[in-house]
N, C-alpha and C. Protein backbone atom coordinates (compact mmCIF):
# COMPACT_ATOMS: atom_id res chain seq x y z
N MET A 1 -88.81 -119.72 93.03
CA MET A 1 -87.95 -119.89 92.53
C MET A 1 -87.70 -121.32 92.29
N ARG A 2 -88.22 -122.33 93.56
CA ARG A 2 -87.79 -123.90 94.11
C ARG A 2 -88.66 -124.30 93.02
N ASN A 3 -89.90 -123.92 92.78
CA ASN A 3 -90.95 -124.78 91.99
C ASN A 3 -90.70 -124.42 90.87
N LEU A 4 -90.01 -123.26 90.04
CA LEU A 4 -89.47 -123.57 88.77
C LEU A 4 -88.48 -124.36 88.30
N LYS A 5 -87.59 -124.54 89.25
CA LYS A 5 -86.49 -125.36 89.02
C LYS A 5 -87.19 -126.77 88.97
N PHE A 6 -87.97 -127.24 89.83
CA PHE A 6 -88.77 -128.73 89.85
C PHE A 6 -89.32 -128.78 88.57
N LYS A 7 -90.05 -127.74 87.98
CA LYS A 7 -90.88 -128.08 86.46
C LYS A 7 -89.94 -128.51 85.74
N PHE A 8 -88.43 -127.53 85.84
CA PHE A 8 -88.06 -127.64 84.52
C PHE A 8 -86.87 -128.95 84.48
N LEU A 9 -86.35 -129.27 85.48
CA LEU A 9 -85.55 -130.43 85.68
C LEU A 9 -86.05 -131.86 85.83
N LEU A 10 -87.30 -131.82 86.50
CA LEU A 10 -88.47 -133.38 86.09
C LEU A 10 -88.27 -134.05 84.80
N PRO A 11 -88.78 -132.75 83.78
CA PRO A 11 -88.69 -133.68 82.52
C PRO A 11 -87.29 -133.45 81.91
N VAL A 12 -86.56 -132.81 82.18
CA VAL A 12 -85.25 -133.05 81.87
C VAL A 12 -84.85 -134.65 82.39
N ALA A 13 -84.55 -134.67 83.61
CA ALA A 13 -84.36 -135.95 84.13
C ALA A 13 -84.87 -137.34 83.57
N ALA A 14 -86.07 -137.12 83.11
CA ALA A 14 -87.10 -138.12 82.79
C ALA A 14 -86.61 -138.63 81.21
N PHE A 15 -86.24 -137.31 80.79
CA PHE A 15 -85.98 -137.62 79.36
C PHE A 15 -84.52 -138.19 79.64
N MET A 16 -83.41 -137.87 80.08
CA MET A 16 -82.28 -138.45 79.92
C MET A 16 -82.31 -139.80 80.32
N LEU A 17 -83.11 -140.38 81.58
CA LEU A 17 -83.41 -141.56 82.36
C LEU A 17 -84.05 -142.41 80.73
N ALA A 18 -84.48 -141.76 80.03
CA ALA A 18 -85.22 -142.55 78.56
C ALA A 18 -84.26 -142.71 77.70
N ILE A 19 -83.48 -141.98 77.13
CA ILE A 19 -81.92 -141.93 77.20
C ILE A 19 -81.16 -142.80 76.97
N ALA A 20 -80.88 -143.30 78.69
CA ALA A 20 -80.17 -144.12 78.95
C ALA A 20 -81.02 -145.91 79.14
N ALA A 21 -81.76 -145.70 79.18
CA ALA A 21 -82.29 -146.79 79.06
C ALA A 21 -82.49 -147.36 77.27
N ALA A 22 -82.82 -146.47 76.41
CA ALA A 22 -82.94 -147.15 75.21
C ALA A 22 -81.00 -147.76 74.86
N PHE A 23 -80.00 -147.14 75.46
CA PHE A 23 -78.95 -147.56 75.20
C PHE A 23 -78.78 -148.82 75.85
N ALA A 24 -79.28 -148.95 77.30
CA ALA A 24 -78.99 -149.96 77.70
C ALA A 24 -79.72 -151.49 77.31
N SER A 25 -80.76 -151.16 76.41
CA SER A 25 -81.58 -152.30 76.18
C SER A 25 -80.69 -152.78 74.58
N GLN A 26 -80.04 -152.28 74.15
CA GLN A 26 -79.36 -152.12 72.85
C GLN A 26 -78.66 -153.79 72.74
N ASP A 27 -78.62 -154.79 71.60
CA ASP A 27 -77.81 -155.44 71.73
C ASP A 27 -76.62 -155.72 71.05
N TYR A 28 -76.10 -154.86 71.29
CA TYR A 28 -74.61 -154.88 70.43
C TYR A 28 -73.89 -155.78 70.64
N GLY A 29 -72.98 -156.41 69.63
CA GLY A 29 -72.30 -157.26 69.48
C GLY A 29 -73.02 -158.50 69.79
N LYS A 30 -74.09 -159.21 69.81
CA LYS A 30 -74.53 -160.42 69.77
C LYS A 30 -75.22 -160.80 68.45
N GLU A 31 -74.59 -161.62 67.97
CA GLU A 31 -74.40 -161.83 66.54
C GLU A 31 -75.42 -163.77 66.61
N GLU A 32 -76.38 -163.30 65.57
CA GLU A 32 -77.03 -164.71 65.21
C GLU A 32 -76.41 -165.99 64.71
N THR A 33 -76.19 -167.04 65.33
CA THR A 33 -75.41 -168.01 65.06
C THR A 33 -76.33 -169.10 64.53
N ALA A 34 -76.51 -169.32 63.30
CA ALA A 34 -77.53 -170.15 62.54
C ALA A 34 -76.61 -171.33 62.15
N LEU A 35 -77.14 -172.65 62.28
CA LEU A 35 -76.56 -173.32 62.38
C LEU A 35 -76.86 -174.36 61.13
N VAL A 36 -75.75 -174.61 60.39
CA VAL A 36 -76.25 -175.47 59.05
C VAL A 36 -75.71 -176.88 58.82
N GLN A 37 -76.24 -177.58 57.93
CA GLN A 37 -76.03 -179.03 57.96
C GLN A 37 -74.57 -179.56 57.71
N GLY A 38 -73.88 -180.51 58.29
CA GLY A 38 -72.72 -180.90 58.30
C GLY A 38 -72.80 -182.26 57.96
N TYR A 39 -71.35 -182.55 56.88
CA TYR A 39 -71.42 -183.71 56.32
C TYR A 39 -69.78 -184.28 56.79
N ILE A 40 -69.94 -185.63 56.66
CA ILE A 40 -68.60 -186.28 56.76
C ILE A 40 -68.70 -187.19 55.66
N TYR A 41 -66.78 -187.28 55.48
CA TYR A 41 -67.25 -188.31 53.91
C TYR A 41 -66.92 -190.12 55.21
N GLN A 42 -67.52 -190.79 54.59
CA GLN A 42 -67.96 -192.30 54.50
C GLN A 42 -67.81 -192.83 53.27
N ASN A 43 -66.74 -193.92 53.07
CA ASN A 43 -66.98 -194.21 51.67
C ASN A 43 -66.30 -193.75 50.39
N GLY A 44 -66.11 -192.30 50.71
CA GLY A 44 -65.96 -191.34 49.29
C GLY A 44 -67.11 -190.28 49.16
N VAL A 45 -67.88 -190.86 50.34
CA VAL A 45 -69.60 -190.00 50.05
C VAL A 45 -69.75 -188.93 50.76
N CYS A 46 -70.46 -188.05 50.73
CA CYS A 46 -70.77 -186.97 51.82
C CYS A 46 -71.99 -187.51 52.46
N VAL A 47 -71.84 -187.81 53.85
CA VAL A 47 -73.11 -188.36 54.67
C VAL A 47 -73.48 -187.19 55.57
N PRO A 48 -74.51 -186.65 55.58
CA PRO A 48 -75.28 -185.65 56.80
C PRO A 48 -74.59 -185.97 58.06
N HIS A 49 -74.25 -185.39 59.11
CA HIS A 49 -73.79 -185.93 60.36
C HIS A 49 -74.21 -184.50 61.04
N GLY A 50 -75.01 -184.27 61.76
CA GLY A 50 -75.34 -183.07 62.59
C GLY A 50 -75.06 -182.01 61.98
N LYS A 51 -74.60 -180.91 63.09
CA LYS A 51 -75.05 -179.10 62.13
C LYS A 51 -74.01 -178.53 63.03
N CYS A 52 -73.38 -177.58 62.22
CA CYS A 52 -72.01 -176.82 62.78
C CYS A 52 -72.75 -175.41 63.03
N ASP A 53 -72.29 -174.47 63.26
CA ASP A 53 -71.74 -172.86 62.84
C ASP A 53 -71.23 -172.40 62.27
N LEU A 54 -70.81 -171.13 61.94
CA LEU A 54 -69.83 -170.37 60.95
C LEU A 54 -69.42 -169.22 61.47
N THR A 55 -69.38 -169.23 62.92
CA THR A 55 -69.01 -168.12 63.52
C THR A 55 -67.67 -168.62 64.36
N SER A 56 -67.53 -169.59 64.53
CA SER A 56 -65.98 -169.68 65.71
C SER A 56 -64.87 -169.66 64.91
N ASN A 57 -63.75 -170.31 65.55
CA ASN A 57 -62.40 -170.10 64.70
C ASN A 57 -62.21 -171.82 64.79
N ALA A 58 -62.52 -172.55 65.83
CA ALA A 58 -61.93 -173.76 65.78
C ALA A 58 -62.75 -174.49 65.01
N THR A 59 -62.24 -175.61 64.38
CA THR A 59 -62.74 -176.64 63.65
C THR A 59 -63.87 -177.58 63.97
N CYS A 60 -64.77 -177.54 63.18
CA CYS A 60 -65.78 -178.59 63.79
C CYS A 60 -65.75 -179.90 63.66
N THR A 61 -65.66 -180.46 64.63
CA THR A 61 -65.57 -182.00 64.75
C THR A 61 -66.40 -182.82 65.53
N ASP A 62 -66.75 -183.92 65.39
CA ASP A 62 -68.23 -184.48 65.84
C ASP A 62 -67.49 -185.03 67.24
N ASN A 63 -68.08 -185.67 67.97
CA ASN A 63 -67.91 -186.23 69.26
C ASN A 63 -66.85 -187.46 69.56
N THR A 64 -66.69 -187.74 67.86
CA THR A 64 -65.63 -188.86 67.92
C THR A 64 -64.20 -188.35 67.27
N GLY A 65 -64.22 -187.24 67.16
CA GLY A 65 -62.86 -186.57 66.09
C GLY A 65 -62.96 -186.30 65.16
N ARG A 66 -64.31 -186.68 64.02
CA ARG A 66 -63.95 -186.84 62.80
C ARG A 66 -64.10 -185.26 62.51
N ILE A 67 -63.90 -184.57 61.64
CA ILE A 67 -63.87 -183.25 60.96
C ILE A 67 -65.11 -183.07 60.34
N VAL A 68 -65.83 -182.41 60.25
CA VAL A 68 -67.37 -181.96 59.56
C VAL A 68 -67.18 -181.02 58.66
N PHE A 69 -67.63 -181.61 57.54
CA PHE A 69 -67.54 -180.38 56.49
C PHE A 69 -68.96 -179.87 56.29
N GLY A 70 -69.14 -178.42 55.17
CA GLY A 70 -70.03 -178.34 54.51
C GLY A 70 -70.28 -178.58 53.15
N LYS A 71 -71.48 -178.65 52.61
CA LYS A 71 -71.40 -178.61 51.15
C LYS A 71 -71.60 -177.68 50.61
N ASN A 72 -70.30 -177.41 49.35
CA ASN A 72 -70.33 -176.43 48.70
C ASN A 72 -70.43 -176.71 47.24
N GLY A 73 -71.16 -177.91 46.92
CA GLY A 73 -71.87 -178.46 45.62
C GLY A 73 -72.34 -179.74 46.00
N PRO A 74 -73.06 -180.09 44.49
CA PRO A 74 -74.20 -181.04 44.69
C PRO A 74 -73.51 -182.23 45.45
N THR A 75 -71.75 -182.35 45.15
CA THR A 75 -71.54 -183.87 45.33
C THR A 75 -70.07 -183.47 46.30
N THR A 76 -69.99 -182.34 46.45
CA THR A 76 -68.54 -182.27 47.00
C THR A 76 -68.75 -181.01 48.55
N CYS A 77 -67.99 -181.87 49.20
CA CYS A 77 -68.41 -181.41 50.90
C CYS A 77 -66.95 -181.23 51.26
N SER A 78 -66.41 -179.79 51.06
CA SER A 78 -64.91 -179.46 51.34
C SER A 78 -65.34 -178.23 52.27
N LEU A 79 -66.39 -177.74 52.24
CA LEU A 79 -66.19 -176.09 53.23
C LEU A 79 -66.37 -176.26 54.70
N PRO A 80 -65.02 -175.80 54.84
CA PRO A 80 -65.02 -175.77 56.31
C PRO A 80 -66.08 -175.17 57.14
N LEU A 81 -66.03 -175.68 58.37
CA LEU A 81 -67.26 -175.37 59.37
C LEU A 81 -66.66 -175.43 60.74
N PHE A 82 -67.36 -174.53 61.58
CA PHE A 82 -66.86 -174.41 63.08
C PHE A 82 -67.31 -175.14 63.95
N MET A 83 -66.85 -174.58 65.32
CA MET A 83 -67.10 -175.35 66.56
C MET A 83 -68.76 -175.25 66.52
N ASN A 84 -69.19 -175.62 67.48
CA ASN A 84 -70.82 -176.00 68.27
C ASN A 84 -71.38 -176.90 67.30
N TRP A 85 -70.59 -178.02 67.09
CA TRP A 85 -71.53 -179.74 66.72
C TRP A 85 -72.62 -180.17 67.62
N GLN A 86 -73.44 -179.92 66.37
CA GLN A 86 -74.56 -180.70 67.37
C GLN A 86 -75.55 -181.86 66.91
N PRO A 87 -75.80 -182.92 67.25
CA PRO A 87 -76.39 -183.79 66.66
C PRO A 87 -77.34 -183.59 65.47
């Protein structure tokens, strides 16, 4: 009787451990943060200036406090970008 329980419970325990490991290894909630080219206005022209992402809530500013925008057309840069500015 004891051997029969062992033969039944060992595969069930291994299966349950495999299921738990599969759920533990999932990366739910981790989103990719792709950096996009940022631009600043200088003399009325959009000048490339570092990179920002699109996932935060805080406005993207460079290390001097200037707001960094994304380009939303060939000549206009007024698309709001968000923090994580990188040179």
